[in-house]
Amino acid sequence: MLENITQSFEVLCRVANDQQSLKPIENAIKCMDQYYDCIQFVKQDYIMKEIHFREQLQSRLIKHSSDINHISVYKDEVLSCGQEVYLFKQKQQYLITKSNLPIYSGIILSDGKVLLGGEEKVIHVYKQINNQYIETTQLRGFSRAISCIMKSQNEDYVGVSSLDGRITLYESESLNKMGAWMNVLGSLYSLSFSVDNNYLVAGSKKGIAIWEIKKTYNNNNPAELLQTLITKKKVRSVSFSRKQKLLAATHKKEILMYHYYKEDFKIYQKLLHHNEIVNCVSFGRDILVSGSDDATICLWSCSIKGFWICYQVVQMNCCINSIALNSKQTDIYFDCYDTVIHYYQI
């Protein structure tokens, strides 16, 4: 039986490669899960095997004149941030701004407003008026560069982090400031809201911190620190899952997986596939995507037994800086410290 299962799995892997489809691989993983106890060692050997698909990478969007620092996607709208910021929607491209200083982060809100922040230490708010984007207001009060702008999954909140370790929370509709607080773990690089919008996690210079967002609050303090985890190196990127209570965080060459509702807040799995520093990680509905200095993007899925496995590797020729999934989870947009927006069809 073991020999037959192994042969069947090999055939499905070849079919997946020929058809450029992941369905045969999904079927193979389900097949292996049925016989988990007796063939686990065979399953792991094949699941961790890199399946190189033919190149599907394209550059259909305009080039920047300087390096791209960040990419954000809302539905099928793509925002690319560098010293120039472009928005691509409905087959049109809009130049939001040209700046003398780099823009490190940006988001698109559901009402169409665009928020940008970076080295200038100001959040610039833009709105489309007469087919062009005009700056309508600014959010100030930051002492160092803005590293991340992130909206909650229900879009009630906007979180802003800066390199001085400060987190500021705004109401997304009015952009009224709810409050601000200092991170105990130093400079901030990444933020993520939980799927129930009750928690905010930060990737920091010294580790990971999680806060609970209060429904009612006083003294300009809208969040309570729940947990911290000290790491040896800085955590460049964090992401909450959209379904399970999972948290992914990058740490050197690893991706650390946590159950964030557990009081002990311990790592339950380390994802090991990248050969260099992992710069970015992002959850879709059913997948996890990671990008690294080793010039690869890894796509991960969760098996029936609850463990995450790498089922596809996309090879590039330069480091992966940031990644974003569209809402349909059909395209990955990313930048490679170059002037081009790359995308890959899953």
C-alpha atoms as a PDB file:
ATOM      1  CA  MET A   1       0.000   0.000   0.000  1.00  0.00           C
ATOM      2  CA  LEU A   2       2.791   2.391   0.915  1.00  0.00           C
ATOM      3  CA  GLU A   3       4.472   1.889  -2.461  1.00  0.00           C
ATOM      4  CA  ASN A   4       1.212   2.523  -4.339  1.00  0.00           C
ATOM      5  CA  ILE A   5       0.489   5.722  -2.403  1.00  0.00           C
ATOM      6  CA  THR A   6       3.996   7.000  -3.037  1.00  0.00           C
ATOM      7  CA  GLN A   7       3.739   6.294  -6.763  1.00  0.00           C
ATOM      8  CA  SER A   8       0.325   7.988  -6.943  1.00  0.00           C
ATOM      9  CA  PHE A   9       1.693  11.080  -5.252  1.00  0.00           C
ATOM     10  CA  GLU A  10       4.607  11.249  -7.704  1.00  0.00           C
ATOM     11  CA  VAL A  11       2.185  11.055 -10.632  1.00  0.00           C
ATOM     12  CA  LEU A  12       0.049  13.866  -9.206  1.00  0.00           C
ATOM     13  CA  CYS A  13       3.124  16.062  -8.797  1.00  0.00           C
ATOM     14  CA  ARG A  14       4.005  15.544 -12.455  1.00  0.00           C
ATOM     15  CA  VAL A  15       0.423  16.291 -13.510  1.00  0.00           C
ATOM     16  CA  ALA A  16       0.481  19.508 -11.473  1.00  0.00           C
ATOM     17  CA  ASN A  17       3.651  20.607 -13.201  1.00  0.00           C
ATOM     18  CA  ASP A  18       2.266  19.809 -16.667  1.00  0.00           C
ATOM     19  CA  GLN A  19      -1.122  21.437 -16.084  1.00  0.00           C
ATOM     20  CA  GLN A  20       0.223  24.428 -14.157  1.00  0.00           C
ATOM     21  CA  SER A  21      -2.528  23.741 -11.626  1.00  0.00           C
ATOM     22  CA  LEU A  22      -2.365  23.236  -7.872  1.00  0.00           C
ATOM     23  CA  LYS A  23      -5.493  21.058  -7.724  1.00  0.00           C
ATOM     24  CA  PRO A  24      -3.592  17.778  -8.196  1.00  0.00           C
ATOM     25  CA  ILE A  25      -1.236  18.763  -5.380  1.00  0.00           C
ATOM     26  CA  GLU A  26      -4.164  19.515  -3.073  1.00  0.00           C
ATOM     27  CA  ASN A  27      -5.619  16.102  -3.887  1.00  0.00           C
ATOM     28  CA  ALA A  28      -2.265  14.487  -3.203  1.00  0.00           C
ATOM     29  CA  ILE A  29      -1.948  16.154   0.194  1.00  0.00           C
ATOM     30  CA  LYS A  30      -5.446  14.980   1.139  1.00  0.00           C
ATOM     31  CA  CYS A  31      -4.503  11.479   0.044  1.00  0.00           C
ATOM     32  CA  MET A  32      -1.362  11.512   2.177  1.00  0.00           C
ATOM     33  CA  ASP A  33      -3.286  12.884   5.162  1.00  0.00           C
ATOM     34  CA  GLN A  34      -5.575   9.857   5.115  1.00  0.00           C
ATOM     35  CA  TYR A  35      -2.588   7.684   5.888  1.00  0.00           C
ATOM     36  CA  TYR A  36      -0.807  10.194   8.091  1.00  0.00           C
ATOM     37  CA  ASP A  37       0.517   7.825  10.741  1.00  0.00           C
ATOM     38  CA  CYS A  38       2.040   5.203   8.476  1.00  0.00           C
ATOM     39  CA  ILE A  39       3.575   7.375   5.760  1.00  0.00           C
ATOM     40  CA  GLN A  40       4.344  10.696   7.440  1.00  0.00           C
ATOM     41  CA  PHE A  41       8.023  10.454   6.512  1.00  0.00           C
ATOM     42  CA  VAL A  42       7.131   9.934   2.835  1.00  0.00           C
ATOM     43  CA  LYS A  43       4.612  12.774   2.894  1.00  0.00           C
ATOM     44  CA  GLN A  44       7.073  15.292   4.303  1.00  0.00           C
ATOM     45  CA  ASP A  45       9.638  14.371   1.680  1.00  0.00           C
ATOM     46  CA  TYR A  46       7.284  15.222  -1.154  1.00  0.00           C
ATOM     47  CA  ILE A  47       5.431  18.152   0.399  1.00  0.00           C
ATOM     48  CA  MET A  48       8.639  20.084   0.989  1.00  0.00           C
ATOM     49  CA  LYS A  49       9.724  19.417  -2.586  1.00  0.00           C
ATOM     50  CA  GLU A  50       9.864  22.580  -4.667  1.00  0.00           C
ATOM     51  CA  ILE A  51       7.540  22.465  -7.660  1.00  0.00           C
ATOM     52  CA  HIS A  52       8.838  24.991 -10.162  1.00  0.00           C
ATOM     53  CA  PHE A  53       6.130  26.192 -12.489  1.00  0.00           C
ATOM     54  CA  ARG A  54       6.855  27.847 -15.811  1.00  0.00           C
ATOM     55  CA  GLU A  55       7.416  31.537 -15.462  1.00  0.00           C
ATOM     56  CA  GLN A  56       4.185  33.518 -15.278  1.00  0.00           C
ATOM     57  CA  LEU A  57       5.693  36.770 -14.120  1.00  0.00           C
ATOM     58  CA  GLN A  58       4.719  39.875 -16.025  1.00  0.00           C
ATOM     59  CA  SER A  59       5.148  43.626 -15.646  1.00  0.00           C
ATOM     60  CA  ARG A  60       1.927  45.166 -16.851  1.00  0.00           C
ATOM     61  CA  LEU A  61       2.125  48.318 -14.741  1.00  0.00           C
ATOM     62  CA  ILE A  62       4.168  51.473 -15.173  1.00  0.00           C
ATOM     63  CA  LYS A  63       7.756  51.643 -13.956  1.00  0.00           C
ATOM     64  CA  HIS A  64       8.749  54.034 -11.201  1.00  0.00           C
ATOM     65  CA  SER A  65      11.744  56.295 -11.643  1.00  0.00           C
ATOM     66  CA  SER A  66      13.121  55.096  -8.283  1.00  0.00           C
ATOM     67  CA  ASP A  67      12.859  52.004  -6.090  1.00  0.00           C
ATOM     68  CA  ILE A  68       9.445  50.870  -4.858  1.00  0.00           C
ATOM     69  CA  ASN A  69       9.239  50.545  -1.068  1.00  0.00           C
ATOM     70  CA  HIS A  70       5.743  49.188  -0.537  1.00  0.00           C
ATOM     71  CA  ILE A  71       2.739  47.753  -2.384  1.00  0.00           C
ATOM     72  CA  SER A  72      -0.835  47.737  -1.098  1.00  0.00           C
ATOM     73  CA  VAL A  73      -3.930  46.214  -2.714  1.00  0.00           C
ATOM     74  CA  TYR A  74      -7.605  46.985  -2.098  1.00  0.00           C
ATOM     75  CA  LYS A  75      -9.969  44.813  -4.145  1.00  0.00           C
ATOM     76  CA  ASP A  76      -8.341  45.164  -7.592  1.00  0.00           C
ATOM     77  CA  GLU A  77      -6.744  48.557  -6.960  1.00  0.00           C
ATOM     78  CA  VAL A  78      -2.958  48.573  -6.592  1.00  0.00           C
ATOM     79  CA  LEU A  79      -1.036  51.289  -4.733  1.00  0.00           C
ATOM     80  CA  SER A  80       2.747  51.424  -5.190  1.00  0.00           C
ATOM     81  CA  CYS A  81       4.858  53.645  -2.942  1.00  0.00           C
ATOM     82  CA  GLY A  82       8.334  55.032  -3.519  1.00  0.00           C
ATOM     83  CA  GLN A  83       9.378  58.624  -4.059  1.00  0.00           C
ATOM     84  CA  GLU A  84       6.577  58.480  -6.589  1.00  0.00           C
ATOM     85  CA  VAL A  85       3.232  56.972  -5.635  1.00  0.00           C
ATOM     86  CA  TYR A  86       0.939  55.464  -8.273  1.00  0.00           C
ATOM     87  CA  LEU A  87      -2.578  54.083  -7.997  1.00  0.00           C
ATOM     88  CA  PHE A  88      -3.827  51.615 -10.600  1.00  0.00           C
ATOM     89  CA  LYS A  89      -7.565  51.030 -10.831  1.00  0.00           C
ATOM     90  CA  GLN A  90     -10.109  50.288 -13.544  1.00  0.00           C
ATOM     91  CA  LYS A  91      -7.310  49.962 -16.110  1.00  0.00           C
ATOM     92  CA  GLN A  92      -6.151  53.514 -15.401  1.00  0.00           C
ATOM     93  CA  GLN A  93      -3.094  54.796 -13.607  1.00  0.00           C
ATOM     94  CA  TYR A  94      -2.991  57.862 -11.383  1.00  0.00           C
ATOM     95  CA  LEU A  95       0.074  59.669 -10.132  1.00  0.00           C
ATOM     96  CA  ILE A  96      -0.793  60.464  -6.516  1.00  0.00           C
ATOM     97  CA  THR A  97       2.365  62.387  -5.653  1.00  0.00           C
ATOM     98  CA  LYS A  98       6.063  62.906  -6.278  1.00  0.00           C
ATOM     99  CA  SER A  99       8.101  63.399  -3.135  1.00  0.00           C
ATOM    100  CA  ASN A 100      11.671  64.407  -2.397  1.00  0.00           C
ATOM    101  CA  LEU A 101      11.670  61.888   0.457  1.00  0.00           C
ATOM    102  CA  PRO A 102      10.722  58.198   0.239  1.00  0.00           C
ATOM    103  CA  ILE A 103       7.214  56.991   1.069  1.00  0.00           C
ATOM    104  CA  TYR A 104       7.398  53.761   3.096  1.00  0.00           C
ATOM    105  CA  SER A 105       3.729  52.807   3.403  1.00  0.00           C
ATOM    106  CA  GLY A 106       0.265  53.547   2.070  1.00  0.00           C
ATOM    107  CA  ILE A 107      -3.302  52.241   2.077  1.00  0.00           C
ATOM    108  CA  ILE A 108      -6.541  52.706   0.150  1.00  0.00           C
ATOM    109  CA  LEU A 109      -9.662  53.187   2.290  1.00  0.00           C
ATOM    110  CA  SER A 110     -13.123  51.961   1.305  1.00  0.00           C
ATOM    111  CA  ASP A 111     -14.295  55.550   0.670  1.00  0.00           C
ATOM    112  CA  GLY A 112     -11.481  56.032  -1.859  1.00  0.00           C
ATOM    113  CA  LYS A 113      -9.124  58.102   0.282  1.00  0.00           C
ATOM    114  CA  VAL A 114      -5.410  57.285   0.027  1.00  0.00           C
ATOM    115  CA  LEU A 115      -3.142  57.590   3.083  1.00  0.00           C
ATOM    116  CA  LEU A 116       0.640  57.851   2.630  1.00  0.00           C
ATOM    117  CA  GLY A 117       3.521  58.129   5.078  1.00  0.00           C
ATOM    118  CA  GLY A 118       7.286  57.851   5.167  1.00  0.00           C
ATOM    119  CA  GLU A 119      10.467  59.769   5.867  1.00  0.00           C
ATOM    120  CA  GLU A 120       8.646  63.111   6.019  1.00  0.00           C
ATOM    121  CA  LYS A 121       7.006  62.120   9.369  1.00  0.00           C
ATOM    122  CA  VAL A 122       3.532  63.158   8.160  1.00  0.00           C
ATOM    123  CA  ILE A 123       0.471  61.190   7.007  1.00  0.00           C
ATOM    124  CA  HIS A 124      -0.741  62.709   3.731  1.00  0.00           C
ATOM    125  CA  VAL A 125      -4.424  62.160   2.915  1.00  0.00           C
ATOM    126  CA  TYR A 126      -5.504  62.273  -0.737  1.00  0.00           C
ATOM    127  CA  LYS A 127      -8.929  62.222  -2.344  1.00  0.00           C
ATOM    128  CA  GLN A 128      -9.952  61.897  -5.987  1.00  0.00           C
ATOM    129  CA  ILE A 129     -11.393  65.150  -7.329  1.00  0.00           C
ATOM    130  CA  ASN A 130     -12.118  65.668 -11.038  1.00  0.00           C
ATOM    131  CA  ASN A 131     -10.121  62.622 -12.129  1.00  0.00           C
ATOM    132  CA  GLN A 132      -7.011  63.528 -10.147  1.00  0.00           C
ATOM    133  CA  TYR A 133      -5.858  63.009  -6.579  1.00  0.00           C
ATOM    134  CA  ILE A 134      -5.617  66.099  -4.378  1.00  0.00           C
ATOM    135  CA  GLU A 135      -4.151  66.269  -0.883  1.00  0.00           C
ATOM    136  CA  THR A 136      -7.001  67.217   1.452  1.00  0.00           C
ATOM    137  CA  THR A 137      -5.407  67.025   4.902  1.00  0.00           C
ATOM    138  CA  GLN A 138      -2.381  65.904   6.904  1.00  0.00           C
ATOM    139  CA  LEU A 139      -2.032  63.918  10.122  1.00  0.00           C
ATOM    140  CA  ARG A 140       0.910  65.162  12.168  1.00  0.00           C
ATOM    141  CA  GLY A 141       2.586  64.517  15.497  1.00  0.00           C
ATOM    142  CA  PHE A 142       5.269  61.985  14.533  1.00  0.00           C
ATOM    143  CA  SER A 143       8.889  62.478  15.600  1.00  0.00           C
ATOM    144  CA  ARG A 144      10.471  59.900  13.276  1.00  0.00           C
ATOM    145  CA  ALA A 145       9.723  58.258   9.942  1.00  0.00           C
ATOM    146  CA  ILE A 146       6.430  56.423   9.493  1.00  0.00           C
ATOM    147  CA  SER A 147       7.096  52.732   8.876  1.00  0.00           C
ATOM    148  CA  CYS A 148       3.623  51.234   8.436  1.00  0.00           C
ATOM    149  CA  ILE A 149       0.003  52.262   7.840  1.00  0.00           C
ATOM    150  CA  MET A 150      -2.550  49.478   8.290  1.00  0.00           C
ATOM    151  CA  LYS A 151      -6.354  49.366   8.420  1.00  0.00           C
ATOM    152  CA  SER A 152      -8.382  46.899  10.478  1.00  0.00           C
ATOM    153  CA  GLN A 153     -10.174  44.123   8.624  1.00  0.00           C
ATOM    154  CA  ASN A 154     -13.576  45.729   9.254  1.00  0.00           C
ATOM    155  CA  GLU A 155     -12.024  49.097   8.293  1.00  0.00           C
ATOM    156  CA  ASP A 156     -13.108  50.782  11.537  1.00  0.00           C
ATOM    157  CA  TYR A 157      -9.533  51.662  12.531  1.00  0.00           C
ATOM    158  CA  VAL A 158      -6.306  52.832  10.949  1.00  0.00           C
ATOM    159  CA  GLY A 159      -3.079  52.040  12.780  1.00  0.00           C
ATOM    160  CA  VAL A 160       0.154  53.947  12.154  1.00  0.00           C
ATOM    161  CA  SER A 161       3.600  52.917  13.389  1.00  0.00           C
ATOM    162  CA  SER A 162       6.802  54.933  13.386  1.00  0.00           C
ATOM    163  CA  LEU A 163      10.465  54.226  13.960  1.00  0.00           C
ATOM    164  CA  ASP A 164      10.394  55.992  17.335  1.00  0.00           C
ATOM    165  CA  GLY A 165       8.274  53.097  18.639  1.00  0.00           C
ATOM    166  CA  ARG A 166       4.983  54.991  18.722  1.00  0.00           C
ATOM    167  CA  ILE A 167       1.653  53.533  17.563  1.00  0.00           C
ATOM    168  CA  THR A 168      -1.228  55.886  16.755  1.00  0.00           C
ATOM    169  CA  LEU A 169      -4.813  54.736  16.235  1.00  0.00           C
ATOM    170  CA  TYR A 170      -7.398  56.639  14.155  1.00  0.00           C
ATOM    171  CA  GLU A 171     -11.056  56.187  13.297  1.00  0.00           C
ATOM    172  CA  SER A 172     -10.946  55.363   9.592  1.00  0.00           C
ATOM    173  CA  GLU A 173     -14.039  57.299   8.482  1.00  0.00           C
ATOM    174  CA  SER A 174     -13.349  60.589  10.253  1.00  0.00           C
ATOM    175  CA  LEU A 175      -9.583  60.098  10.752  1.00  0.00           C
ATOM    176  CA  ASN A 176     -10.055  61.410  14.278  1.00  0.00           C
ATOM    177  CA  LYS A 177      -7.211  60.378  16.554  1.00  0.00           C
ATOM    178  CA  MET A 178      -8.268  57.779  19.136  1.00  0.00           C
ATOM    179  CA  GLY A 179      -4.951  57.787  20.963  1.00  0.00           C
ATOM    180  CA  ALA A 180      -1.273  56.851  20.864  1.00  0.00           C
ATOM    181  CA  TRP A 181       1.128  54.768  22.937  1.00  0.00           C
ATOM    182  CA  MET A 182       4.753  53.660  22.967  1.00  0.00           C
ATOM    183  CA  ASN A 183       5.882  50.165  22.081  1.00  0.00           C
ATOM    184  CA  VAL A 184       8.041  48.598  24.799  1.00  0.00           C
ATOM    185  CA  LEU A 185      10.094  46.707  22.193  1.00  0.00           C
ATOM    186  CA  GLY A 186      11.531  49.671  20.293  1.00  0.00           C
ATOM    187  CA  SER A 187      11.280  50.704  16.651  1.00  0.00           C
ATOM    188  CA  LEU A 188       8.260  49.418  14.729  1.00  0.00           C
ATOM    189  CA  TYR A 189       8.290  47.875  11.247  1.00  0.00           C
ATOM    190  CA  SER A 190       4.925  46.187  10.705  1.00  0.00           C
ATOM    191  CA  LEU A 191       1.326  46.132  12.008  1.00  0.00           C
ATOM    192  CA  SER A 192      -1.601  43.746  11.593  1.00  0.00           C
ATOM    193  CA  PHE A 193      -5.177  43.624  12.947  1.00  0.00           C
ATOM    194  CA  SER A 194      -6.872  40.363  13.932  1.00  0.00           C
ATOM    195  CA  VAL A 195      -9.860  39.107  11.938  1.00  0.00           C
ATOM    196  CA  ASP A 196     -12.237  40.042  14.791  1.00  0.00           C
ATOM    197  CA  ASN A 197     -10.606  43.511  14.956  1.00  0.00           C
ATOM    198  CA  ASN A 198     -10.014  43.169  18.693  1.00  0.00           C
ATOM    199  CA  TYR A 199      -6.234  42.825  18.571  1.00  0.00           C
ATOM    200  CA  LEU A 200      -3.296  44.671  17.051  1.00  0.00           C
ATOM    201  CA  VAL A 201       0.128  43.073  16.656  1.00  0.00           C
ATOM    202  CA  ALA A 202       3.420  44.833  15.919  1.00  0.00           C
ATOM    203  CA  GLY A 203       6.709  43.571  14.553  1.00  0.00           C
ATOM    204  CA  SER A 204       9.507  45.429  16.319  1.00  0.00           C
ATOM    205  CA  LYS A 205      13.237  45.813  16.748  1.00  0.00           C
ATOM    206  CA  LYS A 206      13.261  43.513  19.788  1.00  0.00           C
ATOM    207  CA  GLY A 207      10.305  41.216  19.133  1.00  0.00           C
ATOM    208  CA  ILE A 208       6.522  40.955  18.904  1.00  0.00           C
ATOM    209  CA  ALA A 209       3.857  42.754  20.941  1.00  0.00           C
ATOM    210  CA  ILE A 210       0.068  42.281  20.976  1.00  0.00           C
ATOM    211  CA  TRP A 211      -2.497  44.796  22.248  1.00  0.00           C
ATOM    212  CA  GLU A 212      -6.224  44.477  22.816  1.00  0.00           C
ATOM    213  CA  ILE A 213      -8.216  47.392  21.409  1.00  0.00           C
ATOM    214  CA  LYS A 214     -10.616  48.732  24.023  1.00  0.00           C
ATOM    215  CA  LYS A 215     -14.250  49.386  23.159  1.00  0.00           C
ATOM    216  CA  THR A 216     -14.313  52.203  25.704  1.00  0.00           C
ATOM    217  CA  TYR A 217     -11.246  54.004  26.966  1.00  0.00           C
ATOM    218  CA  ASN A 218     -10.033  57.036  28.881  1.00  0.00           C
ATOM    219  CA  ASN A 219      -6.871  59.110  29.096  1.00  0.00           C
ATOM    220  CA  ASN A 220      -6.081  58.822  25.402  1.00  0.00           C
ATOM    221  CA  ASN A 221      -5.191  55.114  25.730  1.00  0.00           C
ATOM    222  CA  PRO A 222      -7.235  52.980  23.301  1.00  0.00           C
ATOM    223  CA  ALA A 223      -5.291  49.709  23.732  1.00  0.00           C
ATOM    224  CA  GLU A 224      -3.979  47.428  26.470  1.00  0.00           C
ATOM    225  CA  LEU A 225      -0.750  45.453  26.145  1.00  0.00           C
ATOM    226  CA  LEU A 226      -1.475  41.716  26.409  1.00  0.00           C
ATOM    227  CA  GLN A 227       1.643  39.830  25.366  1.00  0.00           C
ATOM    228  CA  THR A 228       5.230  40.328  24.276  1.00  0.00           C
ATOM    229  CA  LEU A 229       7.800  37.953  22.867  1.00  0.00           C
ATOM    230  CA  ILE A 230      11.482  38.911  22.811  1.00  0.00           C
ATOM    231  CA  THR A 231      13.410  37.770  19.724  1.00  0.00           C
ATOM    232  CA  LYS A 232      17.110  37.748  18.896  1.00  0.00           C
ATOM    233  CA  LYS A 233      16.651  39.793  15.727  1.00  0.00           C
ATOM    234  CA  LYS A 234      14.087  42.340  14.596  1.00  0.00           C
ATOM    235  CA  VAL A 235      10.710  41.180  13.326  1.00  0.00           C
ATOM    236  CA  ARG A 236      10.243  42.760   9.915  1.00  0.00           C
ATOM    237  CA  SER A 237       6.701  41.616   9.146  1.00  0.00           C
ATOM    238  CA  VAL A 238       3.651  40.259  10.990  1.00  0.00           C
ATOM    239  CA  SER A 239       0.272  39.046   9.764  1.00  0.00           C
ATOM    240  CA  PHE A 240      -2.901  37.756  11.417  1.00  0.00           C
ATOM    241  CA  SER A 241      -4.776  34.996   9.590  1.00  0.00           C
ATOM    242  CA  ARG A 242      -8.256  35.654   8.228  1.00  0.00           C
ATOM    243  CA  LYS A 243      -9.841  32.458   9.545  1.00  0.00           C
ATOM    244  CA  GLN A 244      -7.987  30.678  12.306  1.00  0.00           C
ATOM    245  CA  LYS A 245      -6.543  32.451  15.338  1.00  0.00           C
ATOM    246  CA  LEU A 246      -3.043  32.364  13.897  1.00  0.00           C
ATOM    247  CA  LEU A 247      -0.208  34.853  13.782  1.00  0.00           C
ATOM    248  CA  ALA A 248       2.758  34.678  11.410  1.00  0.00           C
ATOM    249  CA  ALA A 249       5.953  36.656  12.062  1.00  0.00           C
ATOM    250  CA  THR A 250       9.247  36.796  10.192  1.00  0.00           C
ATOM    251  CA  HIS A 251      12.450  36.215  12.137  1.00  0.00           C
ATOM    252  CA  LYS A 252      15.733  35.927  10.241  1.00  0.00           C
ATOM    253  CA  LYS A 253      15.269  33.046   7.750  1.00  0.00           C
ATOM    254  CA  GLU A 254      12.231  31.653   9.556  1.00  0.00           C
ATOM    255  CA  ILE A 255       8.514  32.284   9.761  1.00  0.00           C
ATOM    256  CA  LEU A 256       7.222  31.822  13.305  1.00  0.00           C
ATOM    257  CA  MET A 257       3.636  30.607  13.745  1.00  0.00           C
ATOM    258  CA  TYR A 258       1.640  31.304  16.918  1.00  0.00           C
ATOM    259  CA  HIS A 259      -1.848  30.691  18.283  1.00  0.00           C
ATOM    260  CA  TYR A 260      -2.480  34.236  19.493  1.00  0.00           C
ATOM    261  CA  TYR A 261      -5.338  33.294  21.816  1.00  0.00           C
ATOM    262  CA  LYS A 262      -3.046  31.038  23.866  1.00  0.00           C
ATOM    263  CA  GLU A 263      -2.003  32.600  27.148  1.00  0.00           C
ATOM    264  CA  ASP A 264       1.496  31.155  26.986  1.00  0.00           C
ATOM    265  CA  PHE A 265       2.050  32.643  23.492  1.00  0.00           C
ATOM    266  CA  LYS A 266       4.518  29.977  22.379  1.00  0.00           C
ATOM    267  CA  ILE A 267       5.668  29.110  18.882  1.00  0.00           C
ATOM    268  CA  TYR A 268       3.807  26.060  17.604  1.00  0.00           C
ATOM    269  CA  GLN A 269       5.576  25.781  14.238  1.00  0.00           C
ATOM    270  CA  LYS A 270       8.605  27.230  12.459  1.00  0.00           C
ATOM    271  CA  LEU A 271       8.342  27.418   8.678  1.00  0.00           C
ATOM    272  CA  LEU A 272      11.734  26.702   7.143  1.00  0.00           C
ATOM    273  CA  HIS A 273      12.189  27.039   3.416  1.00  0.00           C
ATOM    274  CA  HIS A 274      13.893  30.362   2.729  1.00  0.00           C
ATOM    275  CA  ASN A 275      17.684  30.572   2.616  1.00  0.00           C
ATOM    276  CA  GLU A 276      17.985  34.274   3.474  1.00  0.00           C
ATOM    277  CA  ILE A 277      16.171  36.855   5.608  1.00  0.00           C
ATOM    278  CA  VAL A 278      12.372  36.824   5.211  1.00  0.00           C
ATOM    279  CA  ASN A 279      11.196  40.398   4.595  1.00  0.00           C
ATOM    280  CA  CYS A 280       7.435  40.014   4.311  1.00  0.00           C
ATOM    281  CA  VAL A 281       4.591  37.658   5.119  1.00  0.00           C
ATOM    282  CA  SER A 282       0.873  37.928   4.375  1.00  0.00           C
ATOM    283  CA  PHE A 283      -2.186  35.729   4.935  1.00  0.00           C
ATOM    284  CA  GLY A 284      -4.853  35.215   2.310  1.00  0.00           C
ATOM    285  CA  ARG A 285      -8.089  33.381   3.006  1.00  0.00           C
ATOM    286  CA  ASP A 286      -6.544  29.929   2.649  1.00  0.00           C
ATOM    287  CA  ILE A 287      -2.859  30.535   2.053  1.00  0.00           C
ATOM    288  CA  LEU A 288       0.198  32.231   3.493  1.00  0.00           C
ATOM    289  CA  VAL A 289       2.665  34.053   1.231  1.00  0.00           C
ATOM    290  CA  SER A 290       6.245  34.983   2.147  1.00  0.00           C
ATOM    291  CA  GLY A 291       9.053  36.857   0.380  1.00  0.00           C
ATOM    292  CA  SER A 292      12.770  36.789   1.106  1.00  0.00           C
ATOM    293  CA  ASP A 293      16.217  38.120   0.279  1.00  0.00           C
ATOM    294  CA  ASP A 294      16.846  34.735  -1.366  1.00  0.00           C
ATOM    295  CA  ALA A 295      14.775  36.038  -4.322  1.00  0.00           C
ATOM    296  CA  THR A 296      11.904  33.592  -3.785  1.00  0.00           C
ATOM    297  CA  ILE A 297       8.237  33.819  -2.917  1.00  0.00           C
ATOM    298  CA  CYS A 298       6.871  30.821  -1.022  1.00  0.00           C
ATOM    299  CA  LEU A 299       3.205  29.842  -0.974  1.00  0.00           C
ATOM    300  CA  TRP A 300       2.089  27.857   2.081  1.00  0.00           C
ATOM    301  CA  SER A 301      -1.074  25.897   2.843  1.00  0.00           C
ATOM    302  CA  CYS A 302      -2.402  24.260   5.994  1.00  0.00           C
ATOM    303  CA  SER A 303      -2.793  20.480   6.024  1.00  0.00           C
ATOM    304  CA  ILE A 304      -5.657  18.609   7.655  1.00  0.00           C
ATOM    305  CA  LYS A 305      -3.404  18.005  10.653  1.00  0.00           C
ATOM    306  CA  GLY A 306      -2.969  21.764  11.132  1.00  0.00           C
ATOM    307  CA  PHE A 307       0.642  22.106   9.979  1.00  0.00           C
ATOM    308  CA  TRP A 308       1.677  24.592   7.303  1.00  0.00           C
ATOM    309  CA  ILE A 309       3.595  23.316   4.281  1.00  0.00           C
ATOM    310  CA  CYS A 310       5.272  25.023   1.322  1.00  0.00           C
ATOM    311  CA  TYR A 311       3.552  23.860  -1.851  1.00  0.00           C
ATOM    312  CA  GLN A 312       4.960  26.311  -4.396  1.00  0.00           C
ATOM    313  CA  VAL A 313       8.089  28.410  -4.877  1.00  0.00           C
ATOM    314  CA  VAL A 314       8.296  31.366  -7.265  1.00  0.00           C
ATOM    315  CA  GLN A 315      11.878  32.133  -8.250  1.00  0.00           C
ATOM    316  CA  MET A 316      12.864  35.725  -9.010  1.00  0.00           C
ATOM    317  CA  ASN A 317      16.226  37.300  -9.787  1.00  0.00           C
ATOM    318  CA  CYS A 318      16.214  39.874  -6.972  1.00  0.00           C
ATOM    319  CA  CYS A 319      15.216  40.241  -3.311  1.00  0.00           C
ATOM    320  CA  ILE A 320      11.507  40.369  -2.441  1.00  0.00           C
ATOM    321  CA  ASN A 321      10.706  43.525  -0.472  1.00  0.00           C
ATOM    322  CA  SER A 322       6.910  43.579  -0.033  1.00  0.00           C
ATOM    323  CA  ILE A 323       3.931  41.481  -1.123  1.00  0.00           C
ATOM    324  CA  ALA A 324       0.160  41.948  -1.380  1.00  0.00           C
ATOM    325  CA  LEU A 325      -2.728  39.686  -2.414  1.00  0.00           C
ATOM    326  CA  ASN A 326      -5.798  40.876  -4.296  1.00  0.00           C
ATOM    327  CA  SER A 327      -9.205  40.220  -2.728  1.00  0.00           C
ATOM    328  CA  LYS A 328      -9.970  37.281  -5.036  1.00  0.00           C
ATOM    329  CA  GLN A 329      -6.659  35.670  -4.057  1.00  0.00           C
ATOM    330  CA  THR A 330      -5.757  35.151  -7.704  1.00  0.00           C
ATOM    331  CA  ASP A 331      -2.816  37.559  -8.020  1.00  0.00           C
ATOM    332  CA  ILE A 332       0.229  38.318  -5.893  1.00  0.00           C
ATOM    333  CA  TYR A 333       1.717  41.783  -6.341  1.00  0.00           C
ATOM    334  CA  PHE A 334       5.252  42.403  -5.141  1.00  0.00           C
ATOM    335  CA  ASP A 335       8.344  44.547  -5.550  1.00  0.00           C
ATOM    336  CA  CYS A 336      11.979  43.534  -5.655  1.00  0.00           C
ATOM    337  CA  TYR A 337      13.871  46.681  -4.648  1.00  0.00           C
ATOM    338  CA  ASP A 338      13.555  47.750  -8.266  1.00  0.00           C
ATOM    339  CA  THR A 339      11.319  50.175 -10.164  1.00  0.00           C
ATOM    340  CA  VAL A 340       8.736  47.652 -11.367  1.00  0.00           C
ATOM    341  CA  ILE A 341       5.513  46.269  -9.893  1.00  0.00           C
ATOM    342  CA  HIS A 342       5.620  42.524 -10.446  1.00  0.00           C
ATOM    343  CA  TYR A 343       2.644  40.220 -10.280  1.00  0.00           C
ATOM    344  CA  TYR A 344       2.178  36.500 -10.277  1.00  0.00           C
ATOM    345  CA  GLN A 345      -1.021  34.636 -11.065  1.00  0.00           C
ATOM    346  CA  ILE A 346      -1.701  31.882  -8.550  1.00  0.00           C
END
